């Protein structure tokens, strides 16, 4: 459960909100993390394989070399019209 405020007493006990609230349950010293979590090395490997958000491709690289970037507009003023520029 997320808390917007915490308080830590002099004895190290962590409280949700203030010392007047119940102590926050802390993990036991003997706890372990299982394979539900990625290690830093695993995450670095995964992130190294992604494309940068700034990368680009040419139209030739994606099979669109014959496509142009001309504007097409349409309208209706009693008649349907299409403008290609």
Protein backbone atom coordinates (compact mmCIF):
# COMPACT_ATOMS: atom_id res chain seq x y z
CA UNK A 1 0.00 0.00 0.00
CA UNK A 2 1.60 3.32 -0.98
CA UNK A 3 1.95 6.08 1.61
CA UNK A 4 2.35 9.73 0.81
CA UNK A 5 4.15 10.37 4.09
CA UNK A 6 6.22 8.26 6.42
CA UNK A 7 7.79 8.85 9.82
CA UNK A 8 10.81 7.09 11.28
CA UNK A 9 11.09 6.85 15.05
CA UNK A 10 14.45 7.08 16.88
CA UNK A 11 14.41 3.29 17.30
CA UNK A 12 14.22 2.87 13.52
CA UNK A 13 10.55 1.85 13.36
CA UNK A 14 8.88 3.15 10.20
CA UNK A 15 5.33 4.50 10.53
CA UNK A 16 2.81 5.33 7.82
CA UNK A 17 1.96 9.02 8.17
CA UNK A 18 3.11 9.64 11.77
CA UNK A 19 4.15 7.77 14.88
CA UNK A 20 0.51 7.75 16.01
CA UNK A 21 -0.28 5.30 13.15
CA UNK A 22 0.56 1.61 13.03
CA UNK A 23 4.14 0.63 12.17
CA UNK A 24 4.78 -0.37 8.56
CA UNK A 25 5.60 -4.04 8.28
CA UNK A 26 9.23 -4.51 7.32
CA UNK A 27 10.77 -7.40 5.42
CA UNK A 28 12.39 -10.06 7.55
CA UNK A 29 16.18 -10.19 7.41
CA UNK A 30 16.01 -13.71 5.94
CA UNK A 31 13.78 -12.84 2.98
CA UNK A 32 14.81 -13.65 -0.59
CA UNK A 33 13.82 -12.41 -4.02
CA UNK A 34 12.86 -15.03 -6.55
CA UNK A 35 12.96 -15.12 -10.36
CA UNK A 36 10.02 -12.69 -10.69
CA UNK A 37 12.58 -9.90 -10.64
CA UNK A 38 15.14 -9.05 -13.32
CA UNK A 39 18.73 -8.53 -12.29
CA UNK A 40 20.53 -5.36 -13.32
CA UNK A 41 22.55 -7.36 -15.86
CA UNK A 42 19.40 -8.87 -17.38
CA UNK A 43 17.80 -5.43 -17.71
CA UNK A 44 20.95 -3.92 -19.21
CA UNK A 45 21.01 -6.73 -21.79
CA UNK A 46 17.35 -6.19 -22.67
CA UNK A 47 17.76 -2.42 -22.95
CA UNK A 48 20.90 -2.76 -25.07
CA UNK A 49 18.81 -4.60 -27.68
CA UNK A 50 16.18 -1.87 -28.09
CA UNK A 51 16.17 0.83 -30.74
CA UNK A 52 16.80 4.41 -29.68
CA UNK A 53 13.70 6.58 -29.87
CA UNK A 54 15.55 8.92 -32.24
CA UNK A 55 16.36 6.27 -34.87
CA UNK A 56 14.84 6.57 -38.34
CA UNK A 57 14.41 4.55 -41.52
CA UNK A 58 14.33 5.64 -45.12
CA UNK A 59 11.32 4.80 -47.29
CA UNK A 60 13.55 2.35 -49.21
CA UNK A 61 14.44 0.50 -46.00
CA UNK A 62 10.78 -0.17 -45.20
CA UNK A 63 9.62 -0.89 -48.75
CA UNK A 64 7.95 2.46 -49.44
CA UNK A 65 10.29 3.85 -52.09
CA UNK A 66 7.39 4.53 -54.50
CA UNK A 67 5.28 6.41 -51.94
CA UNK A 68 5.33 10.19 -52.05
CA UNK A 69 4.57 12.66 -49.29
CA UNK A 70 2.12 14.79 -51.24
CA UNK A 71 -0.88 16.17 -49.41
CA UNK A 72 -4.38 14.98 -50.18
CA UNK A 73 -7.35 16.99 -48.99
CA UNK A 74 -11.05 16.38 -49.35
CA UNK A 75 -14.07 18.56 -48.88
CA UNK A 76 -17.74 18.90 -49.60
CA UNK A 77 -19.39 22.14 -50.72
CA UNK A 78 -22.41 20.62 -52.38
CA UNK A 79 -19.98 18.54 -54.40
CA UNK A 80 -17.35 16.15 -53.13
CA UNK A 81 -13.91 17.33 -54.13
CA UNK A 82 -10.43 15.86 -53.70
CA UNK A 83 -7.29 17.93 -54.00
CA UNK A 84 -3.93 16.27 -54.58
CA UNK A 85 -0.78 18.38 -54.40
